[in-house]
Amino acid sequence: MSRSIDIQRARRGIDEFLRGLGHDPDANPDLRRTAERVVEAWTNDLLAGETRDVPAILRDGSSAAGAGDKGLVVLRNLATVTVCPHHLLPAVGSATVLYVPGDRIAGLGTVARLVDACARRLVLQEEIGERVATALVEHLGAKGALCRLSMMHTCLVARGERKHDARVDTVALAGSLLQAGPDRDLAMAELRG
């Protein structure tokens, strides 16, 4: 989904936000370009996934599976970041993505780009895993897929409860991994390993 971005309005909003907190960006040299930098960080990085075409990522970054490409594919420790829509604070962590190939396999970098395309949005952690796993089944043709995310949420660590070592883990399943059977058993054993 493509969003219309009004850079000038966003900059004015950040400027006004700072003024609302009692800071004058015009009087403080350290704050003069803050609105510009904040908007650039959000549009070009933190929310960059909102402009990514997930089906195209998998279409363009995949190839036909060969005879030896039928086992599980597991990528671990894919660093990523997201922004919680409740407090507009980041969560940082990593994803483990596992899938059972169908007729196509994705390049390793493609899976990493898929994770970022689904995570770098205003989105709940639970939705990220669902989007990754579902995309692998629906757009790559994987028989089954799983995405585990382990993230540290700034809203839990730096404010509120201030649980400094807290991590949130979520696991999403799609396709053949939703049902009990050999694919799911193998995936769960690999996830534990």
C-alpha atoms as a PDB file:
ATOM      1  CA  MET A   1       0.000   0.000   0.000  1.00  0.00           C
ATOM      2  CA  SER A   2       1.453   3.341  -1.024  1.00  0.00           C
ATOM      3  CA  ARG A   3       1.005   6.350   1.230  1.00  0.00           C
ATOM      4  CA  SER A   4       1.134   9.994   0.326  1.00  0.00           C
ATOM      5  CA  ILE A   5       3.889  11.669   2.307  1.00  0.00           C
ATOM      6  CA  ASP A   6       3.801  15.416   2.934  1.00  0.00           C
ATOM      7  CA  ILE A   7       7.394  16.118   4.009  1.00  0.00           C
ATOM      8  CA  GLN A   8       6.803  19.793   4.807  1.00  0.00           C
ATOM      9  CA  ARG A   9       3.758  19.044   6.939  1.00  0.00           C
ATOM     10  CA  ALA A  10       5.670  16.333   8.823  1.00  0.00           C
ATOM     11  CA  ARG A  11       8.556  18.750   9.461  1.00  0.00           C
ATOM     12  CA  ARG A  12       6.159  21.393  10.752  1.00  0.00           C
ATOM     13  CA  GLY A  13       4.593  18.751  12.993  1.00  0.00           C
ATOM     14  CA  ILE A  14       7.937  17.809  14.549  1.00  0.00           C
ATOM     15  CA  ASP A  15       8.833  21.468  14.957  1.00  0.00           C
ATOM     16  CA  GLU A  16       5.490  22.077  16.685  1.00  0.00           C
ATOM     17  CA  PHE A  17       5.950  18.971  18.836  1.00  0.00           C
ATOM     18  CA  LEU A  18       9.296  20.316  20.096  1.00  0.00           C
ATOM     19  CA  ARG A  19       7.711  23.705  20.814  1.00  0.00           C
ATOM     20  CA  GLY A  20       4.877  21.943  22.667  1.00  0.00           C
ATOM     21  CA  LEU A  21       7.482  20.329  24.901  1.00  0.00           C
ATOM     22  CA  GLY A  22       8.958  23.762  25.687  1.00  0.00           C
ATOM     23  CA  HIS A  23      11.891  23.710  23.230  1.00  0.00           C
ATOM     24  CA  ASP A  24      12.470  26.446  20.665  1.00  0.00           C
ATOM     25  CA  PRO A  25      14.162  24.995  17.550  1.00  0.00           C
ATOM     26  CA  ASP A  26      14.961  28.520  16.325  1.00  0.00           C
ATOM     27  CA  ALA A  27      16.815  29.432  19.538  1.00  0.00           C
ATOM     28  CA  ASN A  28      18.677  26.144  20.041  1.00  0.00           C
ATOM     29  CA  PRO A  29      21.319  25.386  17.381  1.00  0.00           C
ATOM     30  CA  ASP A  30      21.145  21.667  18.205  1.00  0.00           C
ATOM     31  CA  LEU A  31      17.438  21.604  17.295  1.00  0.00           C
ATOM     32  CA  ARG A  32      17.483  23.745  14.121  1.00  0.00           C
ATOM     33  CA  ARG A  33      17.565  20.771  11.723  1.00  0.00           C
ATOM     34  CA  THR A  34      15.936  18.226  14.050  1.00  0.00           C
ATOM     35  CA  ALA A  35      12.589  18.240  12.243  1.00  0.00           C
ATOM     36  CA  GLU A  36      14.319  17.608   8.912  1.00  0.00           C
ATOM     37  CA  ARG A  37      16.445  14.788  10.352  1.00  0.00           C
ATOM     38  CA  VAL A  38      13.496  13.151  12.148  1.00  0.00           C
ATOM     39  CA  VAL A  39      11.304  13.161   9.044  1.00  0.00           C
ATOM     40  CA  GLU A  40      14.146  11.757   6.939  1.00  0.00           C
ATOM     41  CA  ALA A  41      14.766   8.966   9.486  1.00  0.00           C
ATOM     42  CA  TRP A  42      11.093   8.015   9.529  1.00  0.00           C
ATOM     43  CA  THR A  43      10.427   8.177   5.797  1.00  0.00           C
ATOM     44  CA  ASN A  44      13.720   6.705   4.544  1.00  0.00           C
ATOM     45  CA  ASP A  45      14.348   4.132   7.249  1.00  0.00           C
ATOM     46  CA  LEU A  46      11.926   3.428  10.109  1.00  0.00           C
ATOM     47  CA  LEU A  47       8.838   3.267   7.862  1.00  0.00           C
ATOM     48  CA  ALA A  48      10.579   2.319   4.604  1.00  0.00           C
ATOM     49  CA  GLY A  49       8.668  -0.979   4.449  1.00  0.00           C
ATOM     50  CA  GLU A  50       5.426   0.877   3.783  1.00  0.00           C
ATOM     51  CA  THR A  51       6.604   1.652   0.256  1.00  0.00           C
ATOM     52  CA  ARG A  52       7.890  -1.871  -0.502  1.00  0.00           C
ATOM     53  CA  ASP A  53       5.958  -4.254  -2.747  1.00  0.00           C
ATOM     54  CA  VAL A  54       6.114  -7.596  -0.906  1.00  0.00           C
ATOM     55  CA  PRO A  55       4.914  -9.778  -3.820  1.00  0.00           C
ATOM     56  CA  ALA A  56       7.492  -8.118  -6.112  1.00  0.00           C
ATOM     57  CA  ILE A  57      10.294  -8.735  -3.595  1.00  0.00           C
ATOM     58  CA  LEU A  58       9.556 -12.467  -3.654  1.00  0.00           C
ATOM     59  CA  ARG A  59       8.850 -12.624  -7.388  1.00  0.00           C
ATOM     60  CA  ASP A  60      12.042 -10.814  -8.363  1.00  0.00           C
ATOM     61  CA  GLY A  61      14.235 -12.520  -5.767  1.00  0.00           C
ATOM     62  CA  SER A  62      13.309 -16.143  -6.353  1.00  0.00           C
ATOM     63  CA  SER A  63      14.090 -18.904  -8.805  1.00  0.00           C
ATOM     64  CA  ALA A  64      12.813 -22.349  -9.700  1.00  0.00           C
ATOM     65  CA  ALA A  65      13.619 -24.967  -7.079  1.00  0.00           C
ATOM     66  CA  GLY A  66      15.998 -27.686  -8.191  1.00  0.00           C
ATOM     67  CA  ALA A  67      15.876 -31.362  -7.287  1.00  0.00           C
ATOM     68  CA  GLY A  68      17.976 -30.727  -4.163  1.00  0.00           C
ATOM     69  CA  ASP A  69      15.922 -27.764  -2.956  1.00  0.00           C
ATOM     70  CA  LYS A  70      13.193 -29.639  -1.081  1.00  0.00           C
ATOM     71  CA  GLY A  71      14.468 -29.505   2.515  1.00  0.00           C
ATOM     72  CA  LEU A  72      13.798 -26.792   5.070  1.00  0.00           C
ATOM     73  CA  VAL A  73      15.298 -23.366   4.525  1.00  0.00           C
ATOM     74  CA  VAL A  74      16.147 -21.619   7.810  1.00  0.00           C
ATOM     75  CA  LEU A  75      17.528 -18.098   8.237  1.00  0.00           C
ATOM     76  CA  ARG A  76      18.358 -17.048  11.783  1.00  0.00           C
ATOM     77  CA  ASN A  77      19.251 -13.759  13.453  1.00  0.00           C
ATOM     78  CA  LEU A  78      17.932 -11.430  10.755  1.00  0.00           C
ATOM     79  CA  ALA A  79      18.246  -8.110  12.572  1.00  0.00           C
ATOM     80  CA  THR A  80      15.279  -5.825  12.126  1.00  0.00           C
ATOM     81  CA  VAL A  81      13.433  -2.896  13.642  1.00  0.00           C
ATOM     82  CA  THR A  82       9.808  -1.837  13.758  1.00  0.00           C
ATOM     83  CA  VAL A  83       7.792   1.013  15.226  1.00  0.00           C
ATOM     84  CA  CYS A  84       4.968   0.241  17.627  1.00  0.00           C
ATOM     85  CA  PRO A  85       1.823   2.142  16.616  1.00  0.00           C
ATOM     86  CA  HIS A  86       0.772   2.614  20.241  1.00  0.00           C
ATOM     87  CA  HIS A  87       3.634   4.884  21.370  1.00  0.00           C
ATOM     88  CA  LEU A  88       5.573   5.501  18.123  1.00  0.00           C
ATOM     89  CA  LEU A  89       8.645   3.972  19.742  1.00  0.00           C
ATOM     90  CA  PRO A  90      10.962   1.474  18.071  1.00  0.00           C
ATOM     91  CA  ALA A  91      11.382  -2.199  18.832  1.00  0.00           C
ATOM     92  CA  VAL A  92      14.624  -3.870  17.814  1.00  0.00           C
ATOM     93  CA  GLY A  93      15.464  -7.518  17.528  1.00  0.00           C
ATOM     94  CA  SER A  94      15.767 -10.357  15.106  1.00  0.00           C
ATOM     95  CA  ALA A  95      13.733 -12.769  13.052  1.00  0.00           C
ATOM     96  CA  THR A  96      14.106 -16.448  12.337  1.00  0.00           C
ATOM     97  CA  VAL A  97      12.406 -17.410   9.097  1.00  0.00           C
ATOM     98  CA  LEU A  98      11.842 -21.010   8.119  1.00  0.00           C
ATOM     99  CA  TYR A  99      10.060 -22.330   5.059  1.00  0.00           C
ATOM    100  CA  VAL A 100       9.384 -25.574   3.213  1.00  0.00           C
ATOM    101  CA  PRO A 101      10.053 -24.874  -0.482  1.00  0.00           C
ATOM    102  CA  GLY A 102       7.469 -25.491  -3.151  1.00  0.00           C
ATOM    103  CA  ASP A 103       8.324 -24.907  -6.790  1.00  0.00           C
ATOM    104  CA  ARG A 104      10.410 -21.789  -6.066  1.00  0.00           C
ATOM    105  CA  ILE A 105      13.111 -20.796  -3.608  1.00  0.00           C
ATOM    106  CA  ALA A 106      13.955 -17.294  -2.444  1.00  0.00           C
ATOM    107  CA  GLY A 107      17.433 -15.839  -2.346  1.00  0.00           C
ATOM    108  CA  LEU A 108      18.777 -15.385   1.164  1.00  0.00           C
ATOM    109  CA  GLY A 109      18.908 -11.602   0.776  1.00  0.00           C
ATOM    110  CA  THR A 110      15.343 -11.714  -0.518  1.00  0.00           C
ATOM    111  CA  VAL A 111      14.138 -13.249   2.747  1.00  0.00           C
ATOM    112  CA  ALA A 112      16.009 -10.544   4.679  1.00  0.00           C
ATOM    113  CA  ARG A 113      14.373  -7.836   2.513  1.00  0.00           C
ATOM    114  CA  LEU A 114      10.975  -9.471   3.068  1.00  0.00           C
ATOM    115  CA  VAL A 115      11.417  -9.256   6.849  1.00  0.00           C
ATOM    116  CA  ASP A 116      12.318  -5.560   6.645  1.00  0.00           C
ATOM    117  CA  ALA A 117       9.481  -4.821   4.211  1.00  0.00           C
ATOM    118  CA  CYS A 118       7.018  -6.304   6.704  1.00  0.00           C
ATOM    119  CA  ALA A 119       8.668  -4.862   9.841  1.00  0.00           C
ATOM    120  CA  ARG A 120       9.636  -1.309   8.900  1.00  0.00           C
ATOM    121  CA  ARG A 121       6.113   0.013   9.310  1.00  0.00           C
ATOM    122  CA  LEU A 122       3.752   1.179  12.024  1.00  0.00           C
ATOM    123  CA  VAL A 123       2.802  -2.370  12.950  1.00  0.00           C
ATOM    124  CA  LEU A 124       2.430  -4.701  15.909  1.00  0.00           C
ATOM    125  CA  GLN A 125       5.057  -7.410  16.276  1.00  0.00           C
ATOM    126  CA  GLU A 126       2.427 -10.147  15.972  1.00  0.00           C
ATOM    127  CA  GLU A 127       1.406  -8.839  12.546  1.00  0.00           C
ATOM    128  CA  ILE A 128       4.980  -8.839  11.222  1.00  0.00           C
ATOM    129  CA  GLY A 129       5.404 -12.585  11.668  1.00  0.00           C
ATOM    130  CA  GLU A 130       1.994 -13.270  10.122  1.00  0.00           C
ATOM    131  CA  ARG A 131       2.830 -11.117   7.108  1.00  0.00           C
ATOM    132  CA  VAL A 132       6.214 -12.777   6.553  1.00  0.00           C
ATOM    133  CA  ALA A 133       4.919 -16.353   6.861  1.00  0.00           C
ATOM    134  CA  THR A 134       1.823 -15.689   4.756  1.00  0.00           C
ATOM    135  CA  ALA A 135       3.822 -13.913   2.042  1.00  0.00           C
ATOM    136  CA  LEU A 136       6.161 -16.895   1.702  1.00  0.00           C
ATOM    137  CA  VAL A 137       3.200 -19.227   1.193  1.00  0.00           C
ATOM    138  CA  GLU A 138       1.067 -16.936  -0.976  1.00  0.00           C
ATOM    139  CA  HIS A 139       3.694 -15.175  -3.101  1.00  0.00           C
ATOM    140  CA  LEU A 140       6.630 -17.611  -3.157  1.00  0.00           C
ATOM    141  CA  GLY A 141       4.560 -20.776  -3.175  1.00  0.00           C
ATOM    142  CA  ALA A 142       6.227 -22.277  -0.100  1.00  0.00           C
ATOM    143  CA  LYS A 143       4.397 -25.314   1.237  1.00  0.00           C
ATOM    144  CA  GLY A 144       4.694 -23.965   4.756  1.00  0.00           C
ATOM    145  CA  ALA A 145       6.422 -21.089   6.537  1.00  0.00           C
ATOM    146  CA  LEU A 146       7.225 -19.830  10.000  1.00  0.00           C
ATOM    147  CA  CYS A 147       8.499 -16.530  11.347  1.00  0.00           C
ATOM    148  CA  ARG A 148       9.722 -16.112  14.904  1.00  0.00           C
ATOM    149  CA  LEU A 149      10.501 -12.607  16.123  1.00  0.00           C
ATOM    150  CA  SER A 150      12.384 -11.786  19.303  1.00  0.00           C
ATOM    151  CA  MET A 151      12.300  -8.059  19.988  1.00  0.00           C
ATOM    152  CA  MET A 152      13.047  -5.522  22.688  1.00  0.00           C
ATOM    153  CA  HIS A 153      10.322  -2.873  22.782  1.00  0.00           C
ATOM    154  CA  THR A 154      11.380   0.601  23.834  1.00  0.00           C
ATOM    155  CA  CYS A 155       7.886   1.210  25.222  1.00  0.00           C
ATOM    156  CA  LEU A 156       8.455  -1.629  27.717  1.00  0.00           C
ATOM    157  CA  VAL A 157      12.130  -0.924  28.428  1.00  0.00           C
ATOM    158  CA  ALA A 158      12.526   2.880  28.527  1.00  0.00           C
ATOM    159  CA  ARG A 159       9.130   3.946  29.863  1.00  0.00           C
ATOM    160  CA  GLY A 160       6.174   2.531  31.728  1.00  0.00           C
ATOM    161  CA  GLU A 161       7.238  -0.698  33.432  1.00  0.00           C
ATOM    162  CA  ARG A 162      10.959  -0.190  32.583  1.00  0.00           C
ATOM    163  CA  LYS A 163      11.752  -3.884  32.243  1.00  0.00           C
ATOM    164  CA  HIS A 164      15.272  -3.413  30.897  1.00  0.00           C
ATOM    165  CA  ASP A 165      15.977  -6.969  29.765  1.00  0.00           C
ATOM    166  CA  ALA A 166      12.480  -7.784  28.513  1.00  0.00           C
ATOM    167  CA  ARG A 167      12.159  -9.405  25.095  1.00  0.00           C
ATOM    168  CA  VAL A 168       8.943 -10.326  23.353  1.00  0.00           C
ATOM    169  CA  ASP A 169       8.886 -13.521  21.275  1.00  0.00           C
ATOM    170  CA  THR A 170       6.160 -14.314  18.760  1.00  0.00           C
ATOM    171  CA  VAL A 171       5.813 -17.212  16.322  1.00  0.00           C
ATOM    172  CA  ALA A 172       3.590 -17.181  13.246  1.00  0.00           C
ATOM    173  CA  LEU A 173       2.831 -20.198  11.055  1.00  0.00           C
ATOM    174  CA  ALA A 174       1.352 -20.512   7.571  1.00  0.00           C
ATOM    175  CA  GLY A 175       0.544 -23.238   5.061  1.00  0.00           C
ATOM    176  CA  SER A 176       1.429 -26.832   5.938  1.00  0.00           C
ATOM    177  CA  LEU A 177       2.916 -25.749   9.272  1.00  0.00           C
ATOM    178  CA  LEU A 178      -0.541 -24.849  10.556  1.00  0.00           C
ATOM    179  CA  GLN A 179      -1.445 -28.557  10.688  1.00  0.00           C
ATOM    180  CA  ALA A 180       0.122 -31.306  12.778  1.00  0.00           C
ATOM    181  CA  GLY A 181       2.344 -33.465  10.601  1.00  0.00           C
ATOM    182  CA  PRO A 182       5.916 -34.085   9.465  1.00  0.00           C
ATOM    183  CA  ASP A 183       6.532 -30.561   8.123  1.00  0.00           C
ATOM    184  CA  ARG A 184       5.432 -28.982  11.393  1.00  0.00           C
ATOM    185  CA  ASP A 185       7.345 -31.510  13.518  1.00  0.00           C
ATOM    186  CA  LEU A 186      10.558 -30.850  11.576  1.00  0.00           C
ATOM    187  CA  ALA A 187      10.037 -27.076  11.717  1.00  0.00           C
ATOM    188  CA  MET A 188       9.434 -27.095  15.474  1.00  0.00           C
ATOM    189  CA  ALA A 189      12.502 -29.272  16.076  1.00  0.00           C
ATOM    190  CA  GLU A 190      14.596 -26.883  13.952  1.00  0.00           C
ATOM    191  CA  LEU A 191      13.185 -23.865  15.742  1.00  0.00           C
ATOM    192  CA  ARG A 192      14.245 -25.320  19.097  1.00  0.00           C
ATOM    193  CA  GLY A 193      17.671 -26.288  17.737  1.00  0.00           C
END
